[in-house]
Amino acid sequence: MTTATAPHRHHDFPRRLFAIIDGRRWHELGRVFAADCVYHRPGYPPLVGLADIERFYREERIVESGAHRIDDVMAGDDSLACWGRFQGLSRAGERLDEKFSDYYRIDAGLISERRTYFYRAAI
């Protein structure tokens, strides 16, 4: 594994992804997600396929606005992980402040699998 400080062909994926998400540019999700991508997110059944992921962001996600800050990225040949913090507002106007980590599998230059984890008590 290499860290974000070393050059790696995938280390910019999280920044590209979050620029699209934070900018609410849903029509650009296909620039980072494969058409058959699977996204695992706590509290939701797996989101399967680009259309399902786009629908989630447009209709289900509780976030109205905000920004992801990435603290670090670790990348391998076909996978990477990042962690950081999201701060923003919910659709109900509540302040959101959540630490997160993400795991990605990269195939043919696109995210084929994503898993998100949050830093809070679960069990």
PDB file of N, CA and C in Angstrom:
ATOM      1  N   MET A   1       0.843  -1.172   0.000  1.00  0.00           N
ATOM      2  CA  MET A   1       0.000   0.000   0.000  1.00  0.00           C
ATOM      3  C   MET A   1       0.895   1.244   0.000  1.00  0.00           C
ATOM      4  N   THR A   2       0.411   2.277  -0.664  1.00  0.00           N
ATOM      5  CA  THR A   2       1.118   3.547  -0.665  1.00  0.00           C
ATOM      6  C   THR A   2       0.209   4.601  -0.077  1.00  0.00           C
ATOM      7  N   THR A   3       0.765   5.646   0.467  1.00  0.00           N
ATOM      8  CA  THR A   3      -0.060   6.709   1.028  1.00  0.00           C
ATOM      9  C   THR A   3      -0.247   7.799  -0.001  1.00  0.00           C
ATOM     10  N   ALA A   4      -1.083   8.750   0.334  1.00  0.00           N
ATOM     11  CA  ALA A   4      -1.390   9.845  -0.592  1.00  0.00           C
ATOM     12  C   ALA A   4      -0.160  10.681  -0.908  1.00  0.00           C
ATOM     13  N   THR A   5       0.874  10.618  -0.080  1.00  0.00           N
ATOM     14  CA  THR A   5       2.060  11.419  -0.331  1.00  0.00           C
ATOM     15  C   THR A   5       2.900  10.836  -1.460  1.00  0.00           C
ATOM     16  N   ALA A   6       2.706   9.574  -1.787  1.00  0.00           N
ATOM     17  CA  ALA A   6       3.419   8.952  -2.894  1.00  0.00           C
ATOM     18  C   ALA A   6       2.525   8.976  -4.119  1.00  0.00           C
ATOM     19  N   PRO A   7       3.075   9.182  -5.326  1.00  0.00           N
ATOM     20  CA  PRO A   7       2.236   9.196  -6.525  1.00  0.00           C
ATOM     21  C   PRO A   7       1.574   7.832  -6.734  1.00  0.00           C
ATOM     22  N   HIS A   8       0.332   7.854  -7.093  1.00  0.00           N
ATOM     23  CA  HIS A   8      -0.411   6.629  -7.380  1.00  0.00           C
ATOM     24  C   HIS A   8      -1.554   6.980  -8.304  1.00  0.00           C
ATOM     25  N   ARG A   9      -1.854   6.092  -9.225  1.00  0.00           N
ATOM     26  CA  ARG A   9      -2.844   6.424 -10.248  1.00  0.00           C
ATOM     27  C   ARG A   9      -4.259   6.576  -9.724  1.00  0.00           C
ATOM     28  N   HIS A  10      -4.571   6.042  -8.543  1.00  0.00           N
ATOM     29  CA  HIS A  10      -5.944   6.116  -8.028  1.00  0.00           C
ATOM     30  C   HIS A  10      -6.106   7.064  -6.847  1.00  0.00           C
ATOM     31  N   HIS A  11      -5.051   7.643  -6.324  1.00  0.00           N
ATOM     32  CA  HIS A  11      -5.171   8.393  -5.070  1.00  0.00           C
ATOM     33  C   HIS A  11      -6.096   9.607  -5.179  1.00  0.00           C
ATOM     34  N   ASP A  12      -6.388  10.081  -6.373  1.00  0.00           N
ATOM     35  CA  ASP A  12      -7.270  11.247  -6.506  1.00  0.00           C
ATOM     36  C   ASP A  12      -8.747  10.875  -6.619  1.00  0.00           C
ATOM     37  N   PHE A  13      -9.087   9.582  -6.665  1.00  0.00           N
ATOM     38  CA  PHE A  13     -10.496   9.184  -6.798  1.00  0.00           C
ATOM     39  C   PHE A  13     -11.391   9.784  -5.717  1.00  0.00           C
ATOM     40  N   PRO A  14     -11.028   9.687  -4.434  1.00  0.00           N
ATOM     41  CA  PRO A  14     -11.939  10.264  -3.436  1.00  0.00           C
ATOM     42  C   PRO A  14     -12.157  11.763  -3.632  1.00  0.00           C
ATOM     43  N   ARG A  15     -11.117  12.498  -3.961  1.00  0.00           N
ATOM     44  CA  ARG A  15     -11.284  13.942  -4.168  1.00  0.00           C
ATOM     45  C   ARG A  15     -12.191  14.228  -5.357  1.00  0.00           C
ATOM     46  N   ARG A  16     -12.016  13.478  -6.430  1.00  0.00           N
ATOM     47  CA  ARG A  16     -12.880  13.642  -7.602  1.00  0.00           C
ATOM     48  C   ARG A  16     -14.321  13.288  -7.259  1.00  0.00           C
ATOM     49  N   LEU A  17     -14.504  12.162  -6.565  1.00  0.00           N
ATOM     50  CA  LEU A  17     -15.841  11.725  -6.176  1.00  0.00           C
ATOM     51  C   LEU A  17     -16.528  12.767  -5.311  1.00  0.00           C
ATOM     52  N   PHE A  18     -15.832  13.252  -4.271  1.00  0.00           N
ATOM     53  CA  PHE A  18     -16.459  14.189  -3.355  1.00  0.00           C
ATOM     54  C   PHE A  18     -16.676  15.563  -3.985  1.00  0.00           C
ATOM     55  N   ALA A  19     -15.875  15.950  -4.947  1.00  0.00           N
ATOM     56  CA  ALA A  19     -16.135  17.201  -5.671  1.00  0.00           C
ATOM     57  C   ALA A  19     -17.459  17.099  -6.416  1.00  0.00           C
ATOM     58  N   ILE A  20     -17.725  15.938  -7.001  1.00  0.00           N
ATOM     59  CA  ILE A  20     -18.992  15.705  -7.703  1.00  0.00           C
ATOM     60  C   ILE A  20     -20.156  15.688  -6.710  1.00  0.00           C
ATOM     61  N   ILE A  21     -19.991  14.941  -5.602  1.00  0.00           N
ATOM     62  CA  ILE A  21     -21.064  14.810  -4.613  1.00  0.00           C
ATOM     63  C   ILE A  21     -21.333  16.150  -3.925  1.00  0.00           C
ATOM     64  N   ASP A  22     -20.286  16.806  -3.440  1.00  0.00           N
ATOM     65  CA  ASP A  22     -20.478  18.073  -2.730  1.00  0.00           C
ATOM     66  C   ASP A  22     -21.038  19.152  -3.660  1.00  0.00           C
ATOM     67  N   GLY A  23     -20.702  19.063  -4.942  1.00  0.00           N
ATOM     68  CA  GLY A  23     -21.238  19.996  -5.926  1.00  0.00           C
ATOM     69  C   GLY A  23     -22.609  19.618  -6.438  1.00  0.00           C
ATOM     70  N   ARG A  24     -23.142  18.478  -5.946  1.00  0.00           N
ATOM     71  CA  ARG A  24     -24.466  17.978  -6.340  1.00  0.00           C
ATOM     72  C   ARG A  24     -24.575  17.829  -7.857  1.00  0.00           C
ATOM     73  N   ARG A  25     -23.477  17.379  -8.480  1.00  0.00           N
ATOM     74  CA  ARG A  25     -23.417  17.186  -9.935  1.00  0.00           C
ATOM     75  C   ARG A  25     -23.715  15.714 -10.250  1.00  0.00           C
ATOM     76  N   TRP A  26     -24.941  15.307  -9.956  1.00  0.00           N
ATOM     77  CA  TRP A  26     -25.328  13.896 -10.054  1.00  0.00           C
ATOM     78  C   TRP A  26     -25.104  13.349 -11.457  1.00  0.00           C
ATOM     79  N   HIS A  27     -25.277  14.151 -12.486  1.00  0.00           N
ATOM     80  CA  HIS A  27     -25.083  13.696 -13.867  1.00  0.00           C
ATOM     81  C   HIS A  27     -23.630  13.303 -14.141  1.00  0.00           C
ATOM     82  N   GLU A  28     -22.705  13.664 -13.251  1.00  0.00           N
ATOM     83  CA  GLU A  28     -21.295  13.323 -13.432  1.00  0.00           C
ATOM     84  C   GLU A  28     -20.858  12.084 -12.650  1.00  0.00           C
ATOM     85  N   LEU A  29     -21.766  11.434 -11.925  1.00  0.00           N
ATOM     86  CA  LEU A  29     -21.384  10.261 -11.130  1.00  0.00           C
ATOM     87  C   LEU A  29     -20.769   9.162 -11.999  1.00  0.00           C
ATOM     88  N   GLY A  30     -21.185   9.058 -13.251  1.00  0.00           N
ATOM     89  CA  GLY A  30     -20.635   8.061 -14.170  1.00  0.00           C
ATOM     90  C   GLY A  30     -19.173   8.299 -14.522  1.00  0.00           C
ATOM     91  N   ARG A  31     -18.635   9.442 -14.157  1.00  0.00           N
ATOM     92  CA  ARG A  31     -17.207   9.708 -14.386  1.00  0.00           C
ATOM     93  C   ARG A  31     -16.323   8.993 -13.374  1.00  0.00           C
ATOM     94  N   VAL A  32     -16.922   8.584 -12.241  1.00  0.00           N
ATOM     95  CA  VAL A  32     -16.145   7.895 -11.211  1.00  0.00           C
ATOM     96  C   VAL A  32     -16.690   6.507 -10.865  1.00  0.00           C
ATOM     97  N   PHE A  33     -17.999   6.288 -11.025  1.00  0.00           N
ATOM     98  CA  PHE A  33     -18.611   4.991 -10.723  1.00  0.00           C
ATOM     99  C   PHE A  33     -18.816   4.184 -12.001  1.00  0.00           C
ATOM    100  N   ALA A  34     -18.517   2.891 -11.937  1.00  0.00           N
ATOM    101  CA  ALA A  34     -18.843   1.978 -13.031  1.00  0.00           C
ATOM    102  C   ALA A  34     -20.360   1.804 -13.097  1.00  0.00           C
ATOM    103  N   ALA A  35     -20.872   1.469 -14.268  1.00  0.00           N
ATOM    104  CA  ALA A  35     -22.322   1.301 -14.456  1.00  0.00           C
ATOM    105  C   ALA A  35     -22.897   0.230 -13.532  1.00  0.00           C
ATOM    106  N   ASP A  36     -22.098  -0.792 -13.201  1.00  0.00           N
ATOM    107  CA  ASP A  36     -22.568  -1.894 -12.351  1.00  0.00           C
ATOM    108  C   ASP A  36     -21.988  -1.832 -10.934  1.00  0.00           C
ATOM    109  N   CYS A  37     -21.585  -0.667 -10.508  1.00  0.00           N
ATOM    110  CA  CYS A  37     -21.001  -0.474  -9.183  1.00  0.00           C
ATOM    111  C   CYS A  37     -21.966  -0.910  -8.084  1.00  0.00           C
ATOM    112  N   VAL A  38     -21.404  -1.363  -6.971  1.00  0.00           N
ATOM    113  CA  VAL A  38     -22.186  -1.684  -5.778  1.00  0.00           C
ATOM    114  C   VAL A  38     -21.671  -0.787  -4.649  1.00  0.00           C
ATOM    115  N   TYR A  39     -22.601  -0.092  -3.986  1.00  0.00           N
ATOM    116  CA  TYR A  39     -22.257   0.803  -2.895  1.00  0.00           C
ATOM    117  C   TYR A  39     -22.909   0.300  -1.620  1.00  0.00           C
ATOM    118  N   HIS A  40     -22.092  -0.027  -0.624  1.00  0.00           N
ATOM    119  CA  HIS A  40     -22.555  -0.477   0.689  1.00  0.00           C
ATOM    120  C   HIS A  40     -22.436   0.698   1.648  1.00  0.00           C
ATOM    121  N   ARG A  41     -23.578   1.065   2.261  1.00  0.00           N
ATOM    122  CA  ARG A  41     -23.626   2.226   3.144  1.00  0.00           C
ATOM    123  C   ARG A  41     -24.450   1.854   4.369  1.00  0.00           C
ATOM    124  N   PRO A  42     -23.964   2.133   5.586  1.00  0.00           N
ATOM    125  CA  PRO A  42     -24.711   1.755   6.791  1.00  0.00           C
ATOM    126  C   PRO A  42     -26.145   2.285   6.769  1.00  0.00           C
ATOM    127  N   GLY A  43     -27.079   1.407   7.127  1.00  0.00           N
ATOM    128  CA  GLY A  43     -28.480   1.798   7.223  1.00  0.00           C
ATOM    129  C   GLY A  43     -29.279   1.671   5.938  1.00  0.00           C
ATOM    130  N   TYR A  44     -28.635   1.238   4.857  1.00  0.00           N
ATOM    131  CA  TYR A  44     -29.310   1.104   3.563  1.00  0.00           C
ATOM    132  C   TYR A  44     -28.988  -0.265   2.977  1.00  0.00           C
ATOM    133  N   PRO A  45     -29.916  -0.834   2.197  1.00  0.00           N
ATOM    134  CA  PRO A  45     -29.550  -2.033   1.450  1.00  0.00           C
ATOM    135  C   PRO A  45     -28.492  -1.639   0.407  1.00  0.00           C
ATOM    136  N   PRO A  46     -27.721  -2.601  -0.091  1.00  0.00           N
ATOM    137  CA  PRO A  46     -26.715  -2.251  -1.102  1.00  0.00           C
ATOM    138  C   PRO A  46     -27.347  -1.510  -2.282  1.00  0.00           C
ATOM    139  N   LEU A  47     -26.683  -0.459  -2.710  1.00  0.00           N
ATOM    140  CA  LEU A  47     -27.099   0.288  -3.895  1.00  0.00           C
ATOM    141  C   LEU A  47     -26.378  -0.356  -5.066  1.00  0.00           C
ATOM    142  N   VAL A  48     -27.143  -0.892  -6.016  1.00  0.00           N
ATOM    143  CA  VAL A  48     -26.564  -1.668  -7.107  1.00  0.00           C
ATOM    144  C   VAL A  48     -26.798  -0.956  -8.428  1.00  0.00           C
ATOM    145  N   GLY A  49     -25.714  -0.581  -9.062  1.00  0.00           N
ATOM    146  CA  GLY A  49     -25.791   0.079 -10.357  1.00  0.00           C
ATOM    147  C   GLY A  49     -25.797   1.593 -10.239  1.00  0.00           C
ATOM    148  N   LEU A  50     -25.313   2.221 -11.269  1.00  0.00           N
ATOM    149  CA  LEU A  50     -25.198   3.680 -11.293  1.00  0.00           C
ATOM    150  C   LEU A  50     -26.554   4.359 -11.132  1.00  0.00           C
ATOM    151  N   ALA A  51     -27.600   3.830 -11.730  1.00  0.00           N
ATOM    152  CA  ALA A  51     -28.933   4.446 -11.619  1.00  0.00           C
ATOM    153  C   ALA A  51     -29.417   4.438 -10.171  1.00  0.00           C
ATOM    154  N   ASP A  52     -29.175   3.340  -9.446  1.00  0.00           N
ATOM    155  CA  ASP A  52     -29.578   3.234  -8.044  1.00  0.00           C
ATOM    156  C   ASP A  52     -28.789   4.223  -7.186  1.00  0.00           C
ATOM    157  N   ILE A  53     -27.495   4.343  -7.457  1.00  0.00           N
ATOM    158  CA  ILE A  53     -26.647   5.277  -6.708  1.00  0.00           C
ATOM    159  C   ILE A  53     -27.086   6.715  -6.966  1.00  0.00           C
ATOM    160  N   GLU A  54     -27.355   7.044  -8.208  1.00  0.00           N
ATOM    161  CA  GLU A  54     -27.798   8.398  -8.535  1.00  0.00           C
ATOM    162  C   GLU A  54     -29.145   8.700  -7.882  1.00  0.00           C
ATOM    163  N   ARG A  55     -30.072   7.756  -7.907  1.00  0.00           N
ATOM    164  CA  ARG A  55     -31.374   7.938  -7.255  1.00  0.00           C
ATOM    165  C   ARG A  55     -31.196   8.189  -5.761  1.00  0.00           C
ATOM    166  N   PHE A  56     -30.290   7.430  -5.119  1.00  0.00           N
ATOM    167  CA  PHE A  56     -30.013   7.622  -3.695  1.00  0.00           C
ATOM    168  C   PHE A  56     -29.596   9.069  -3.416  1.00  0.00           C
ATOM    169  N   TYR A  57     -28.643   9.567  -4.186  1.00  0.00           N
ATOM    170  CA  TYR A  57     -28.166  10.939  -3.956  1.00  0.00           C
ATOM    171  C   TYR A  57     -29.241  11.977  -4.235  1.00  0.00           C
ATOM    172  N   ARG A  58     -30.032  11.768  -5.268  1.00  0.00           N
ATOM    173  CA  ARG A  58     -31.077  12.738  -5.615  1.00  0.00           C
ATOM    174  C   ARG A  58     -32.252  12.717  -4.641  1.00  0.00           C
ATOM    175  N   GLU A  59     -32.646  11.525  -4.160  1.00  0.00           N
ATOM    176  CA  GLU A  59     -33.916  11.380  -3.455  1.00  0.00           C
ATOM    177  C   GLU A  59     -33.835  10.924  -2.005  1.00  0.00           C
ATOM    178  N   GLU A  60     -32.864  10.082  -1.645  1.00  0.00           N
ATOM    179  CA  GLU A  60     -32.869   9.466  -0.315  1.00  0.00           C
ATOM    180  C   GLU A  60     -31.897  10.062   0.684  1.00  0.00           C
ATOM    181  N   ARG A  61     -30.752  10.439   0.240  1.00  0.00           N
ATOM    182  CA  ARG A  61     -29.702  10.926   1.135  1.00  0.00           C
ATOM    183  C   ARG A  61     -30.221  12.111   1.937  1.00  0.00           C
ATOM    184  N   ILE A  62     -29.952  12.129   3.243  1.00  0.00           N
ATOM    185  CA  ILE A  62     -30.496  13.172   4.115  1.00  0.00           C
ATOM    186  C   ILE A  62     -29.770  14.508   3.980  1.00  0.00           C
ATOM    187  N   VAL A  63     -28.657  14.526   3.269  1.00  0.00           N
ATOM    188  CA  VAL A  63     -27.831  15.730   3.177  1.00  0.00           C
ATOM    189  C   VAL A  63     -28.413  16.715   2.170  1.00  0.00           C
ATOM    190  N   GLU A  64     -28.520  17.972   2.591  1.00  0.00           N
ATOM    191  CA  GLU A  64     -28.921  19.051   1.690  1.00  0.00           C
ATOM    192  C   GLU A  64     -27.697  19.703   1.071  1.00  0.00           C
ATOM    193  N   SER A  65     -26.680  19.946   1.891  1.00  0.00           N
ATOM    194  CA  SER A  65     -25.454  20.572   1.405  1.00  0.00           C
ATOM    195  C   SER A  65     -24.322  20.280   2.378  1.00  0.00           C
ATOM    196  N   GLY A  66     -23.092  20.482   1.916  1.00  0.00           N
ATOM    197  CA  GLY A  66     -21.945  20.285   2.782  1.00  0.00           C
ATOM    198  C   GLY A  66     -20.703  19.949   1.998  1.00  0.00           C
ATOM    199  N   ALA A  67     -19.651  19.618   2.742  1.00  0.00           N
ATOM    200  CA  ALA A  67     -18.372  19.327   2.110  1.00  0.00           C
ATOM    201  C   ALA A  67     -17.630  18.231   2.855  1.00  0.00           C
ATOM    202  N   HIS A  68     -16.984  17.375   2.093  1.00  0.00           N
ATOM    203  CA  HIS A  68     -16.110  16.339   2.629  1.00  0.00           C
ATOM    204  C   HIS A  68     -14.690  16.885   2.719  1.00  0.00           C
ATOM    205  N   ARG A  69     -14.014  16.616   3.806  1.00  0.00           N
ATOM    206  CA  ARG A  69     -12.593  16.906   3.944  1.00  0.00           C
ATOM    207  C   ARG A  69     -11.875  15.565   4.074  1.00  0.00           C
ATOM    208  N   ILE A  70     -10.937  15.320   3.218  1.00  0.00           N
ATOM    209  CA  ILE A  70     -10.187  14.071   3.253  1.00  0.00           C
ATOM    210  C   ILE A  70      -8.901  14.294   4.031  1.00  0.00           C
ATOM    211  N   ASP A  71      -8.692  13.462   5.049  1.00  0.00           N
ATOM    212  CA  ASP A  71      -7.477  13.561   5.854  1.00  0.00           C
ATOM    213  C   ASP A  71      -6.325  12.767   5.245  1.00  0.00           C
ATOM    214  N   ASP A  72      -6.631  11.609   4.662  1.00  0.00           N
ATOM    215  CA  ASP A  72      -5.569  10.794   4.070  1.00  0.00           C
ATOM    216  C   ASP A  72      -6.169   9.762   3.138  1.00  0.00           C
ATOM    217  N   VAL A  73      -5.336   9.253   2.246  1.00  0.00           N
ATOM    218  CA  VAL A  73      -5.711   8.233   1.272  1.00  0.00           C
ATOM    219  C   VAL A  73      -4.612   7.186   1.248  1.00  0.00           C
ATOM    220  N   MET A  74      -5.009   5.926   1.223  1.00  0.00           N
ATOM    221  CA  MET A  74      -4.067   4.823   1.021  1.00  0.00           C
ATOM    222  C   MET A  74      -4.521   4.071  -0.219  1.00  0.00           C
ATOM    223  N   ALA A  75      -3.593   3.783  -1.128  1.00  0.00           N
ATOM    224  CA  ALA A  75      -3.969   3.165  -2.402  1.00  0.00           C
ATOM    225  C   ALA A  75      -3.097   1.955  -2.697  1.00  0.00           C
ATOM    226  N   GLY A  76      -3.737   0.925  -3.235  1.00  0.00           N
ATOM    227  CA  GLY A  76      -3.060  -0.239  -3.768  1.00  0.00           C
ATOM    228  C   GLY A  76      -3.273  -0.271  -5.273  1.00  0.00           C
ATOM    229  N   ASP A  77      -3.010  -1.393  -5.892  1.00  0.00           N
ATOM    230  CA  ASP A  77      -3.146  -1.477  -7.346  1.00  0.00           C
ATOM    231  C   ASP A  77      -4.587  -1.335  -7.817  1.00  0.00           C
ATOM    232  N   ASP A  78      -5.525  -1.970  -7.128  1.00  0.00           N
ATOM    233  CA  ASP A  78      -6.921  -1.916  -7.564  1.00  0.00           C
ATOM    234  C   ASP A  78      -7.879  -1.587  -6.426  1.00  0.00           C
ATOM    235  N   SER A  79      -7.355  -1.027  -5.353  1.00  0.00           N
ATOM    236  CA  SER A  79      -8.202  -0.643  -4.231  1.00  0.00           C
ATOM    237  C   SER A  79      -7.600   0.571  -3.540  1.00  0.00           C
ATOM    238  N   LEU A  80      -8.446   1.266  -2.799  1.00  0.00           N
ATOM    239  CA  LEU A  80      -7.950   2.379  -1.998  1.00  0.00           C
ATOM    240  C   LEU A  80      -8.900   2.621  -0.848  1.00  0.00           C
ATOM    241  N   ALA A  81      -8.406   3.354   0.118  1.00  0.00           N
ATOM    242  CA  ALA A  81      -9.206   3.734   1.267  1.00  0.00           C
ATOM    243  C   ALA A  81      -8.901   5.189   1.579  1.00  0.00           C
ATOM    244  N   CYS A  82      -9.900   5.870   2.133  1.00  0.00           N
ATOM    245  CA  CYS A  82      -9.683   7.243   2.583  1.00  0.00           C
ATOM    246  C   CYS A  82     -10.478   7.437   3.858  1.00  0.00           C
ATOM    247  N   TRP A  83     -10.119   8.479   4.583  1.00  0.00           N
ATOM    248  CA  TRP A  83     -10.874   8.838   5.764  1.00  0.00           C
ATOM    249  C   TRP A  83     -10.824  10.344   5.929  1.00  0.00           C
ATOM    250  N   GLY A  84     -11.861  10.843   6.607  1.00  0.00           N
ATOM    251  CA  GLY A  84     -11.954  12.284   6.789  1.00  0.00           C
ATOM    252  C   GLY A  84     -13.204  12.663   7.542  1.00  0.00           C
ATOM    253  N   ARG A  85     -13.750  13.825   7.203  1.00  0.00           N
ATOM    254  CA  ARG A  85     -14.905  14.355   7.917  1.00  0.00           C
ATOM    255  C   ARG A  85     -15.836  15.043   6.921  1.00  0.00           C
ATOM    256  N   PHE A  86     -17.129  14.869   7.157  1.00  0.00           N
ATOM    257  CA  PHE A  86     -18.145  15.590   6.392  1.00  0.00           C
ATOM    258  C   PHE A  86     -18.823  16.574   7.333  1.00  0.00           C
ATOM    259  N   GLN A  87     -19.000  17.814   6.868  1.00  0.00           N
ATOM    260  CA  GLN A  87     -19.755  18.809   7.617  1.00  0.00           C
ATOM    261  C   GLN A  87     -20.732  19.481   6.666  1.00  0.00           C
ATOM    262  N   GLY A  88     -21.971  19.636   7.136  1.00  0.00           N
ATOM    263  CA  GLY A  88     -22.976  20.245   6.284  1.00  0.00           C
ATOM    264  C   GLY A  88     -24.299  20.386   6.992  1.00  0.00           C
ATOM    265  N   LEU A  89     -25.368  20.436   6.173  1.00  0.00           N
ATOM    266  CA  LEU A  89     -26.730  20.563   6.675  1.00  0.00           C
ATOM    267  C   LEU A  89     -27.600  19.452   6.104  1.00  0.00           C
ATOM    268  N   SER A  90     -28.518  18.957   6.927  1.00  0.00           N
ATOM    269  CA  SER A  90     -29.485  17.972   6.464  1.00  0.00           C
ATOM    270  C   SER A  90     -30.608  18.680   5.716  1.00  0.00           C
ATOM    271  N   ARG A  91     -31.450  17.908   5.045  1.00  0.00           N
ATOM    272  CA  ARG A  91     -32.620  18.480   4.369  1.00  0.00           C
ATOM    273  C   ARG A  91     -33.579  19.128   5.358  1.00  0.00           C
ATOM    274  N   ALA A  92     -33.507  18.676   6.623  1.00  0.00           N
ATOM    275  CA  ALA A  92     -34.355  19.250   7.674  1.00  0.00           C
ATOM    276  C   ALA A  92     -33.703  20.479   8.318  1.00  0.00           C
ATOM    277  N   GLY A  93     -32.521  20.881   7.855  1.00  0.00           N
ATOM    278  CA  GLY A  93     -31.850  22.058   8.378  1.00  0.00           C
ATOM    279  C   GLY A  93     -30.957  21.798   9.578  1.00  0.00           C
ATOM    280  N   GLU A  94     -30.749  20.527   9.939  1.00  0.00           N
ATOM    281  CA  GLU A  94     -29.885  20.195  11.079  1.00  0.00           C
ATOM    282  C   GLU A  94     -28.426  20.179  10.646  1.00  0.00           C
ATOM    283  N   ARG A  95     -27.543  20.589  11.564  1.00  0.00           N
ATOM    284  CA  ARG A  95     -26.111  20.546  11.291  1.00  0.00           C
ATOM    285  C   ARG A  95     -25.639  19.096  11.303  1.00  0.00           C
ATOM    286  N   LEU A  96     -24.785  18.761  10.351  1.00  0.00           N
ATOM    287  CA  LEU A  96     -24.199  17.434  10.252  1.00  0.00           C
ATOM    288  C   LEU A  96     -22.688  17.558  10.412  1.00  0.00           C
ATOM    289  N   ASP A  97     -22.108  16.654  11.189  1.00  0.00           N
ATOM    290  CA  ASP A  97     -20.658  16.632  11.395  1.00  0.00           C
ATOM    291  C   ASP A  97     -20.292  15.177  11.656  1.00  0.00           C
ATOM    292  N   GLU A  98     -19.750  14.519  10.655  1.00  0.00           N
ATOM    293  CA  GLU A  98     -19.558  13.064  10.719  1.00  0.00           C
ATOM    294  C   GLU A  98     -18.175  12.674  10.218  1.00  0.00           C
ATOM    295  N   LYS A  99     -17.441  11.930  11.038  1.00  0.00           N
ATOM    296  CA  LYS A  99     -16.201  11.321  10.573  1.00  0.00           C
ATOM    297  C   LYS A  99     -16.582  10.089   9.763  1.00  0.00           C
ATOM    298  N   PHE A 100     -15.814   9.805   8.714  1.00  0.00           N
ATOM    299  CA  PHE A 100     -16.111   8.660   7.859  1.00  0.00           C
ATOM    300  C   PHE A 100     -14.820   8.027   7.359  1.00  0.00           C
ATOM    301  N   SER A 101     -14.955   6.829   6.874  1.00  0.00           N
ATOM    302  CA  SER A 101     -13.898   6.205   6.080  1.00  0.00           C
ATOM    303  C   SER A 101     -14.581   5.476   4.936  1.00  0.00           C
ATOM    304  N   ASP A 102     -13.887   5.393   3.825  1.00  0.00           N
ATOM    305  CA  ASP A 102     -14.400   4.740   2.624  1.00  0.00           C
ATOM    306  C   ASP A 102     -13.366   3.755   2.108  1.00  0.00           C
ATOM    307  N   TYR A 103     -13.874   2.662   1.578  1.00  0.00           N
ATOM    308  CA  TYR A 103     -13.054   1.684   0.854  1.00  0.00           C
ATOM    309  C   TYR A 103     -13.586   1.640  -0.573  1.00  0.00           C
ATOM    310  N   TYR A 104     -12.680   1.567  -1.549  1.00  0.00           N
ATOM    311  CA  TYR A 104     -13.064   1.505  -2.955  1.00  0.00           C
ATOM    312  C   TYR A 104     -12.302   0.384  -3.657  1.00  0.00           C
ATOM    313  N   ARG A 105     -12.979  -0.292  -4.560  1.00  0.00           N
ATOM    314  CA  ARG A 105     -12.334  -1.204  -5.503  1.00  0.00           C
ATOM    315  C   ARG A 105     -12.433  -0.519  -6.855  1.00  0.00           C
ATOM    316  N   ILE A 106     -11.314  -0.477  -7.584  1.00  0.00           N
ATOM    317  CA  ILE A 106     -11.243   0.202  -8.871  1.00  0.00           C
ATOM    318  C   ILE A 106     -11.055  -0.842  -9.969  1.00  0.00           C
ATOM    319  N   ASP A 107     -11.917  -0.802 -10.972  1.00  0.00           N
ATOM    320  CA  ASP A 107     -11.815  -1.679 -12.145  1.00  0.00           C
ATOM    321  C   ASP A 107     -11.965  -0.824 -13.394  1.00  0.00           C
ATOM    322  N   ALA A 108     -11.064  -1.015 -14.332  1.00  0.00           N
ATOM    323  CA  ALA A 108     -11.105  -0.282 -15.605  1.00  0.00           C
ATOM    324  C   ALA A 108     -11.203   1.230 -15.390  1.00  0.00           C
ATOM    325  N   GLY A 109     -10.530   1.727 -14.344  1.00  0.00           N
ATOM    326  CA  GLY A 109     -10.480   3.152 -14.103  1.00  0.00           C
ATOM    327  C   GLY A 109     -11.693   3.747 -13.418  1.00  0.00           C
ATOM    328  N   LEU A 110     -12.644   2.909 -12.980  1.00  0.00           N
ATOM    329  CA  LEU A 110     -13.851   3.389 -12.310  1.00  0.00           C
ATOM    330  C   LEU A 110     -14.086   2.620 -11.017  1.00  0.00           C
ATOM    331  N   ILE A 111     -14.834   3.222 -10.101  1.00  0.00           N
ATOM    332  CA  ILE A 111     -15.163   2.561  -8.839  1.00  0.00           C
ATOM    333  C   ILE A 111     -16.187   1.469  -9.103  1.00  0.00           C
ATOM    334  N   SER A 112     -15.819   0.230  -8.796  1.00  0.00           N
ATOM    335  CA  SER A 112     -16.752  -0.889  -8.966  1.00  0.00           C
ATOM    336  C   SER A 112     -17.408  -1.280  -7.642  1.00  0.00           C
ATOM    337  N   GLU A 113     -16.774  -0.901  -6.538  1.00  0.00           N
ATOM    338  CA  GLU A 113     -17.347  -1.172  -5.225  1.00  0.00           C
ATOM    339  C   GLU A 113     -16.927  -0.061  -4.278  1.00  0.00           C
ATOM    340  N   ARG A 114     -17.876   0.367  -3.458  1.00  0.00           N
ATOM    341  CA  ARG A 114     -17.593   1.370  -2.420  1.00  0.00           C
ATOM    342  C   ARG A 114     -18.249   0.911  -1.137  1.00  0.00           C
ATOM    343  N   ARG A 115     -17.526   1.064  -0.038  1.00  0.00           N
ATOM    344  CA  ARG A 115     -18.052   0.772   1.297  1.00  0.00           C
ATOM    345  C   ARG A 115     -17.754   1.971   2.181  1.00  0.00           C
ATOM    346  N   THR A 116     -18.793   2.515   2.809  1.00  0.00           N
ATOM    347  CA  THR A 116     -18.644   3.663   3.703  1.00  0.00           C
ATOM    348  C   THR A 116     -18.832   3.197   5.142  1.00  0.00           C
ATOM    349  N   TYR A 117     -18.021   3.761   6.033  1.00  0.00           N
ATOM    350  CA  TYR A 117     -18.095   3.477   7.472  1.00  0.00           C
ATOM    351  C   TYR A 117     -18.136   4.807   8.209  1.00  0.00           C
ATOM    352  N   PHE A 118     -18.911   4.841   9.311  1.00  0.00           N
ATOM    353  CA  PHE A 118     -18.996   6.036  10.140  1.00  0.00           C
ATOM    354  C   PHE A 118     -18.423   5.745  11.514  1.00  0.00           C
ATOM    355  N   TYR A 119     -17.855   6.767  12.156  1.00  0.00           N
ATOM    356  CA  TYR A 119     -17.205   6.635  13.449  1.00  0.00           C
ATOM    357  C   TYR A 119     -18.179   6.933  14.570  1.00  0.00           C
ATOM    358  N   ARG A 120     -19.020   5.969  14.855  1.00  0.00           N
ATOM    359  CA  ARG A 120     -19.942   6.110  15.978  1.00  0.00           C
ATOM    360  C   ARG A 120     -20.273   4.726  16.512  1.00  0.00           C
ATOM    361  N   ALA A 121     -20.722   4.680  17.727  1.00  0.00           N
ATOM    362  CA  ALA A 121     -21.049   3.416  18.353  1.00  0.00           C
ATOM    363  C   ALA A 121     -22.148   2.703  17.568  1.00  0.00           C
ATOM    364  N   ALA A 122     -21.923   1.420  17.279  1.00  0.00           N
ATOM    365  CA  ALA A 122     -22.920   0.657  16.535  1.00  0.00           C
ATOM    366  C   ALA A 122     -23.284  -0.643  17.255  1.00  0.00           C
ATOM    367  N   ILE A 123     -22.332  -1.210  17.986  1.00  0.00           N
ATOM    368  CA  ILE A 123     -22.636  -2.446  18.715  1.00  0.00           C
ATOM    369  C   ILE A 123     -22.097  -2.363  20.127  1.00  0.00           C
TER     370      ILE A 123
END
